[in-house]
Amino acid sequence: MGASHGHQHGAPHGAAGHGGHDHSHAGSANRTRLAVAFGITATILVAEIVGAIFTGSLALLVDAAHMATDTVGLLMALVASTLMAKSATSTRTWGFRRAEILSAAAQALVLFSVGVYAITEGISRIFEPAEIPSTGLLVFGILGLAGNAVALLVLAGGRNSNLNLRAAFLEVINDALGSVGVIVSAIVIATTGWTTIDTIVGLGIAALILPRAVTILRSAIRVLMETSPRGLDMDQLRTHMRESPHVRDVHDLHVTEVGTGLPVLTAHVEVDPSCFADGHVTQHLDELRECVGSHFAVSVEHSTFQLEPAGYPDREQLPHA
């Protein structure tokens, strides 16, 4: 027996993941949250577009542009959530689990573009402040804040489920902050007549957008580049695996993420040649699964091990880490 493979088969490879029944219900609940939040955000978007045209406010215009990207983002998140529920096939062995990462990356890119546009427009308006009707600005600001507050309550329960939901939740938070800025701008204009505050608030909203877009994009790129999960020390993991009885060495060790909460590990493990004759192979697989599944901050529930007799890597053509 040249090699043996050990897999953690506790869950199907489809959207349900480990503990399929619970994840199926959670996924359905998250889709409902996204659908409701999308409806609310789309309604606010229409109102803010009308308000931006009516008042000429940069703050409201930027917030409306931000709201437009968030509406599209929530729609992408809803589509991604629906795709994630599809079962795996012979050609898509992980189903559409990575759809949430692609959606989050797309949302981040759009948000970044809006932030750059807002800053450019805001700088030009500092030198040419526009006349802004404070009453209309205040009405649309309050309307936007109320809608965002409801959307936040709807999304709050699922915000930690995956990167897709997290991106959607953070989008609505920034929308709410943008609405607060619009309200502040309206109050200052009404009490002092200082219309430049509208431009400053618009720039402030843009300043909130850019760091968040970069953060989400970096997280998505980490997954797409198959970087090891945050919080997992690969050197420590390799050392711990080598400490298992009869294990001589570990090489070709890889831990990546298919999607949020789905780390996958593969490794070639050299063991004493006697293990293949005395029936210790199953025992070693159990010990290795226990090692990667419970001893580290990142629990790996899907693992694949190739057990090899000591010295076998010398026969492999490719270099291994």
Protein backbone atom coordinates (compact mmCIF):
# COMPACT_ATOMS: atom_id res chain seq x y z
CA MET A 1 0.00 0.00 0.00
CA GLY A 2 1.87 3.04 -1.26
CA ALA A 3 -0.38 5.71 0.22
CA SER A 4 -3.67 6.16 1.98
CA HIS A 5 -6.03 9.08 2.15
CA GLY A 6 -8.04 10.35 5.09
CA HIS A 7 -11.01 12.65 4.64
CA GLN A 8 -13.26 14.36 7.12
CA HIS A 9 -16.65 13.29 5.79
CA GLY A 10 -18.81 14.97 8.41
CA ALA A 11 -20.49 17.16 5.82
CA PRO A 12 -21.42 17.09 2.16
CA HIS A 13 -19.52 19.35 -0.19
CA GLY A 14 -22.59 21.31 -1.13
CA ALA A 15 -23.89 24.54 0.27
CA ALA A 16 -25.09 23.01 3.49
CA GLY A 17 -21.53 22.32 4.62
CA HIS A 18 -20.82 20.69 7.96
CA GLY A 19 -24.11 20.04 9.73
CA GLY A 20 -26.12 20.54 6.52
CA HIS A 21 -29.55 20.90 8.12
CA ASP A 22 -28.62 23.79 10.38
CA HIS A 23 -26.67 25.56 7.68
CA SER A 24 -29.59 25.19 5.26
CA HIS A 25 -31.93 26.97 7.69
CA ALA A 26 -29.30 29.61 8.40
CA GLY A 27 -28.78 30.19 4.68
CA SER A 28 -32.53 30.57 4.11
CA ALA A 29 -32.76 33.07 6.99
CA ASN A 30 -29.83 35.05 5.60
CA ARG A 31 -31.44 35.20 2.14
CA THR A 32 -34.61 36.54 3.71
CA ARG A 33 -32.63 39.19 5.60
CA LEU A 34 -30.85 40.23 2.42
CA ALA A 35 -34.09 40.39 0.44
CA VAL A 36 -35.75 42.65 3.03
CA ALA A 37 -32.66 44.87 3.33
CA PHE A 38 -32.47 45.11 -0.46
CA GLY A 39 -36.10 46.25 -0.69
CA ILE A 40 -35.59 48.90 2.00
CA THR A 41 -32.34 50.18 0.51
CA ALA A 42 -33.76 50.36 -3.01
CA THR A 43 -36.69 52.44 -1.72
CA ILE A 44 -34.35 54.84 0.11
CA LEU A 45 -32.21 55.10 -3.04
CA VAL A 46 -35.14 56.35 -5.11
CA ALA A 47 -36.02 58.88 -2.40
CA GLU A 48 -32.43 60.15 -2.12
CA ILE A 49 -32.05 60.55 -5.88
CA VAL A 50 -35.17 62.71 -5.90
CA GLY A 51 -33.83 64.61 -2.88
CA ALA A 52 -30.39 65.19 -4.44
CA ILE A 53 -32.01 66.59 -7.58
CA PHE A 54 -34.37 68.76 -5.52
CA THR A 55 -31.79 70.15 -3.08
CA GLY A 56 -28.54 70.08 -5.07
CA SER A 57 -26.76 68.74 -1.99
CA LEU A 58 -23.38 67.04 -2.48
CA ALA A 59 -23.76 65.18 0.81
CA LEU A 60 -27.10 63.79 -0.33
CA LEU A 61 -25.76 63.13 -3.83
CA VAL A 62 -22.78 61.19 -2.45
CA ASP A 63 -25.03 59.34 -0.04
CA ALA A 64 -27.38 58.50 -2.92
CA ALA A 65 -24.42 57.25 -4.98
CA HIS A 66 -23.28 55.25 -1.97
CA MET A 67 -26.82 53.95 -1.56
CA ALA A 68 -26.87 52.98 -5.25
CA THR A 69 -23.73 50.89 -4.85
CA ASP A 70 -25.14 49.35 -1.69
CA THR A 71 -28.38 48.49 -3.47
CA VAL A 72 -26.40 46.77 -6.22
CA GLY A 73 -24.17 45.23 -3.55
CA LEU A 74 -27.13 43.84 -1.62
CA LEU A 75 -28.56 42.46 -4.87
CA MET A 76 -25.21 40.74 -5.60
CA ALA A 77 -25.12 39.47 -2.03
CA LEU A 78 -28.64 38.07 -2.41
CA VAL A 79 -27.72 36.37 -5.70
CA ALA A 80 -24.52 35.00 -4.16
CA SER A 81 -26.43 33.70 -1.14
CA THR A 82 -28.86 31.92 -3.46
CA LEU A 83 -26.01 30.40 -5.49
CA MET A 84 -24.32 29.19 -2.30
CA ALA A 85 -27.41 27.10 -1.55
CA LYS A 86 -26.96 25.07 -4.74
CA SER A 87 -25.61 21.56 -4.31
CA ALA A 88 -22.21 20.45 -5.54
CA THR A 89 -21.91 18.71 -8.90
CA SER A 90 -19.29 16.58 -10.61
CA THR A 91 -17.86 19.72 -12.26
CA ARG A 92 -18.38 22.15 -9.35
CA THR A 93 -17.24 19.98 -6.47
CA TRP A 94 -17.67 22.81 -3.93
CA GLY A 95 -20.87 24.07 -5.49
CA PHE A 96 -20.96 27.88 -5.51
CA ARG A 97 -19.44 28.36 -2.07
CA ARG A 98 -16.99 30.93 -3.43
CA ALA A 99 -19.76 33.10 -4.88
CA GLU A 100 -19.89 35.07 -1.61
CA ILE A 101 -16.20 35.97 -1.95
CA LEU A 102 -16.60 37.15 -5.55
CA SER A 103 -19.66 39.17 -4.53
CA ALA A 104 -17.82 40.82 -1.64
CA ALA A 105 -14.86 41.68 -3.91
CA ALA A 106 -17.18 43.23 -6.51
CA GLN A 107 -18.95 45.29 -3.84
CA ALA A 108 -15.63 46.54 -2.52
CA LEU A 109 -14.43 47.60 -5.98
CA VAL A 110 -17.64 49.54 -6.64
CA LEU A 111 -17.49 51.21 -3.23
CA PHE A 112 -13.87 52.21 -3.80
CA SER A 113 -14.82 53.84 -7.12
CA VAL A 114 -17.63 55.79 -5.47
CA GLY A 115 -15.30 56.97 -2.71
CA VAL A 116 -12.74 58.26 -5.21
CA TYR A 117 -15.48 60.05 -7.18
CA ALA A 118 -16.89 61.65 -4.02
CA ILE A 119 -13.51 63.00 -2.95
CA THR A 120 -12.82 64.43 -6.40
CA GLU A 121 -16.23 66.10 -6.58
CA GLY A 122 -15.99 67.35 -3.01
CA ILE A 123 -12.63 69.05 -3.53
CA SER A 124 -13.99 70.90 -6.56
CA ARG A 125 -17.05 72.07 -4.62
CA ILE A 126 -15.03 73.52 -1.75
CA PHE A 127 -14.21 76.46 -3.98
CA GLU A 128 -17.74 76.77 -5.38
CA PRO A 129 -20.30 75.98 -2.62
CA ALA A 130 -23.83 75.36 -3.85
CA GLU A 131 -27.05 76.78 -2.41
CA ILE A 132 -28.70 74.04 -0.35
CA PRO A 133 -32.32 74.11 0.95
CA SER A 134 -31.90 72.88 4.52
CA THR A 135 -35.51 71.75 5.07
CA GLY A 136 -35.58 69.38 2.12
CA LEU A 137 -32.13 68.09 3.04
CA LEU A 138 -33.27 67.36 6.59
CA VAL A 139 -36.37 65.48 5.44
CA PHE A 140 -34.43 63.19 3.12
CA GLY A 141 -31.71 62.68 5.72
CA ILE A 142 -34.22 61.53 8.34
CA LEU A 143 -35.95 59.28 5.80
CA GLY A 144 -32.64 57.66 4.90
CA LEU A 145 -31.62 57.15 8.53
CA ALA A 146 -34.95 55.54 9.42
CA GLY A 147 -34.72 53.12 6.51
CA ASN A 148 -31.12 52.24 7.29
CA ALA A 149 -31.96 51.60 10.93
CA VAL A 150 -34.60 49.06 9.90
CA ALA A 151 -32.21 47.40 7.43
CA LEU A 152 -29.54 47.14 10.15
CA LEU A 153 -31.97 45.40 12.49
CA VAL A 154 -32.87 42.95 9.73
CA LEU A 155 -29.23 42.11 8.88
CA ALA A 156 -27.83 42.12 12.43
CA GLY A 157 -28.64 38.48 13.15
CA GLY A 158 -26.61 37.16 10.20
CA ARG A 159 -23.75 39.66 9.99
CA ASN A 160 -21.14 37.13 11.19
CA SER A 161 -22.30 34.26 8.98
CA ASN A 162 -19.89 34.95 6.11
CA LEU A 163 -17.94 37.67 4.32
CA ASN A 164 -20.85 38.31 1.98
CA LEU A 165 -23.23 39.15 4.88
CA ARG A 166 -20.52 41.10 6.67
CA ALA A 167 -19.95 43.28 3.59
CA ALA A 168 -23.69 43.91 3.27
CA PHE A 169 -24.04 44.79 6.98
CA LEU A 170 -21.09 47.19 6.87
CA GLU A 171 -22.52 48.85 3.76
CA VAL A 172 -25.75 49.62 5.57
CA ILE A 173 -23.85 50.92 8.62
CA ASN A 174 -22.00 53.40 6.45
CA ASP A 175 -25.28 54.33 4.78
CA ALA A 176 -26.69 55.13 8.22
CA LEU A 177 -23.63 57.23 9.08
CA GLY A 178 -24.03 59.01 5.77
CA SER A 179 -27.64 59.82 6.61
CA VAL A 180 -26.53 61.17 9.99
CA GLY A 181 -24.06 63.39 8.15
CA VAL A 182 -26.82 64.67 5.87
CA ILE A 183 -28.97 65.52 8.91
CA VAL A 184 -26.08 67.35 10.59
CA SER A 185 -25.42 69.25 7.38
CA ALA A 186 -29.07 70.30 7.14
CA ILE A 187 -29.10 71.54 10.75
CA VAL A 188 -25.89 73.56 10.34
CA ILE A 189 -27.13 75.16 7.12
CA ALA A 190 -30.48 76.01 8.72
CA THR A 191 -28.89 77.60 11.80
CA THR A 192 -25.79 79.28 10.31
CA GLY A 193 -26.28 79.41 6.55
CA TRP A 194 -22.82 77.84 6.08
CA THR A 195 -23.37 75.70 2.96
CA THR A 196 -19.75 74.50 2.80
CA ILE A 197 -20.66 72.03 5.55
CA ASP A 198 -22.52 70.01 2.90
CA THR A 199 -19.28 69.52 0.97
CA ILE A 200 -17.35 68.65 4.12
CA VAL A 201 -19.95 66.05 5.07
CA GLY A 202 -19.78 64.62 1.55
CA LEU A 203 -16.01 64.25 1.89
CA GLY A 204 -16.51 62.68 5.32
CA ILE A 205 -18.83 60.05 3.88
CA ALA A 206 -16.24 59.33 1.20
CA ALA A 207 -13.58 58.96 3.89
CA LEU A 208 -15.75 56.30 5.54
CA ILE A 209 -16.25 54.42 2.29
CA LEU A 210 -12.62 53.99 1.20
CA PRO A 211 -11.10 52.18 4.23
CA ARG A 212 -14.06 49.80 4.41
CA ALA A 213 -13.80 49.01 0.71
CA VAL A 214 -10.07 48.28 1.06
CA THR A 215 -10.65 46.05 4.12
CA ILE A 216 -13.31 43.94 2.42
CA LEU A 217 -11.29 43.70 -0.79
CA ARG A 218 -8.18 42.55 1.10
CA SER A 219 -10.19 39.85 2.88
CA ALA A 220 -11.65 38.65 -0.42
CA ILE A 221 -8.25 38.63 -2.12
CA ARG A 222 -6.79 36.54 0.71
CA VAL A 223 -9.34 33.83 -0.01
CA LEU A 224 -9.01 34.08 -3.79
CA MET A 225 -5.20 33.86 -3.53
CA GLU A 226 -5.63 30.82 -1.27
CA THR A 227 -3.74 32.39 1.62
CA SER A 228 -3.83 30.44 4.86
CA PRO A 229 -6.70 31.51 7.17
CA ARG A 230 -6.07 34.35 9.60
CA GLY A 231 -5.15 33.11 13.04
CA LEU A 232 -3.60 29.87 11.83
CA ASP A 233 0.16 29.52 12.37
CA MET A 234 1.29 27.10 9.67
CA ASP A 235 4.69 26.47 11.25
CA GLN A 236 3.05 25.63 14.56
CA LEU A 237 0.57 23.36 12.79
CA ARG A 238 3.35 21.50 10.97
CA THR A 239 5.33 21.09 14.22
CA HIS A 240 2.28 19.78 16.06
CA MET A 241 1.56 17.24 13.33
CA ARG A 242 5.17 16.04 13.39
CA GLU A 243 4.83 15.33 17.12
CA SER A 244 2.25 12.61 16.47
CA PRO A 245 3.56 9.08 17.19
CA HIS A 246 5.30 7.36 14.23
CA VAL A 247 5.17 10.54 12.10
CA ARG A 248 8.57 11.18 10.51
CA ASP A 249 7.80 14.34 8.53
CA VAL A 250 5.05 16.49 7.00
CA HIS A 251 5.32 18.15 3.60
CA ASP A 252 3.06 19.65 0.91
CA LEU A 253 0.98 21.13 3.73
CA HIS A 254 -1.70 23.52 2.48
CA VAL A 255 -4.60 25.18 4.30
CA THR A 256 -6.89 27.41 2.27
CA GLU A 257 -10.49 28.64 2.44
CA VAL A 258 -13.16 27.79 -0.10
CA GLY A 259 -15.43 30.36 1.54
CA THR A 260 -16.12 31.90 4.90
CA GLY A 261 -15.94 29.25 7.62
CA LEU A 262 -14.78 26.50 5.27
CA PRO A 263 -11.02 25.94 5.65
CA VAL A 264 -9.59 22.97 3.76
CA LEU A 265 -6.34 21.18 4.59
CA THR A 266 -4.23 18.80 2.50
CA ALA A 267 -0.91 17.27 3.55
CA HIS A 268 1.54 14.48 2.79
CA VAL A 269 2.54 12.74 6.02
CA GLU A 270 5.55 10.41 6.24
CA VAL A 271 5.13 7.62 8.78
CA ASP A 272 7.14 4.60 9.85
CA PRO A 273 6.93 1.89 7.14
CA SER A 274 5.73 -0.59 9.76
CA CYS A 275 2.47 1.35 10.13
CA PHE A 276 1.26 0.01 6.79
CA ALA A 277 1.70 -3.57 7.98
CA ASP A 278 0.51 -3.43 11.58
CA GLY A 279 -2.81 -1.64 10.95
CA HIS A 280 -1.90 1.74 12.49
CA VAL A 281 -3.00 3.73 9.43
CA THR A 282 -6.57 4.35 10.64
CA GLN A 283 -5.32 5.33 14.08
CA HIS A 284 -2.90 7.86 12.56
CA LEU A 285 -5.65 9.38 10.44
CA ASP A 286 -7.86 9.84 13.51
CA GLU A 287 -4.98 11.45 15.43
CA LEU A 288 -4.20 13.83 12.59
CA ARG A 289 -7.84 14.85 12.19
CA GLU A 290 -8.07 15.51 15.91
CA CYS A 291 -4.88 17.55 15.71
CA VAL A 292 -6.06 19.92 12.96
CA GLY A 293 -9.67 19.97 14.09
CA SER A 294 -9.38 21.03 17.72
CA HIS A 295 -5.91 22.22 18.72
CA PHE A 296 -5.85 25.55 16.90
CA ALA A 297 -7.85 28.80 16.72
CA VAL A 298 -8.97 27.84 13.20
CA SER A 299 -10.74 24.49 13.26
CA VAL A 300 -10.27 22.53 10.03
CA GLU A 301 -13.25 20.25 9.52
CA HIS A 302 -12.34 19.05 6.02
CA SER A 303 -8.89 17.49 5.83
CA THR A 304 -7.16 15.16 3.38
CA PHE A 305 -3.97 13.31 4.30
CA GLN A 306 -1.74 11.22 2.11
CA LEU A 307 0.20 8.80 4.28
CA GLU A 308 3.57 7.80 2.87
CA PRO A 309 6.39 5.53 4.07
CA ALA A 310 9.49 7.40 5.20
CA GLY A 311 11.69 8.21 2.20
CA TYR A 312 8.84 8.15 -0.32
CA PRO A 313 9.13 11.91 -1.14
CA ASP A 314 12.52 11.19 -2.73
CA ARG A 315 10.62 9.46 -5.52
CA GLU A 316 8.41 12.51 -6.22
CA GLN A 317 9.42 14.78 -9.08
CA LEU A 318 8.03 18.09 -7.80
CA PRO A 319 9.63 20.04 -4.93
CA HIS A 320 7.61 20.15 -1.73
CA ALA A 321 7.42 22.52 1.20
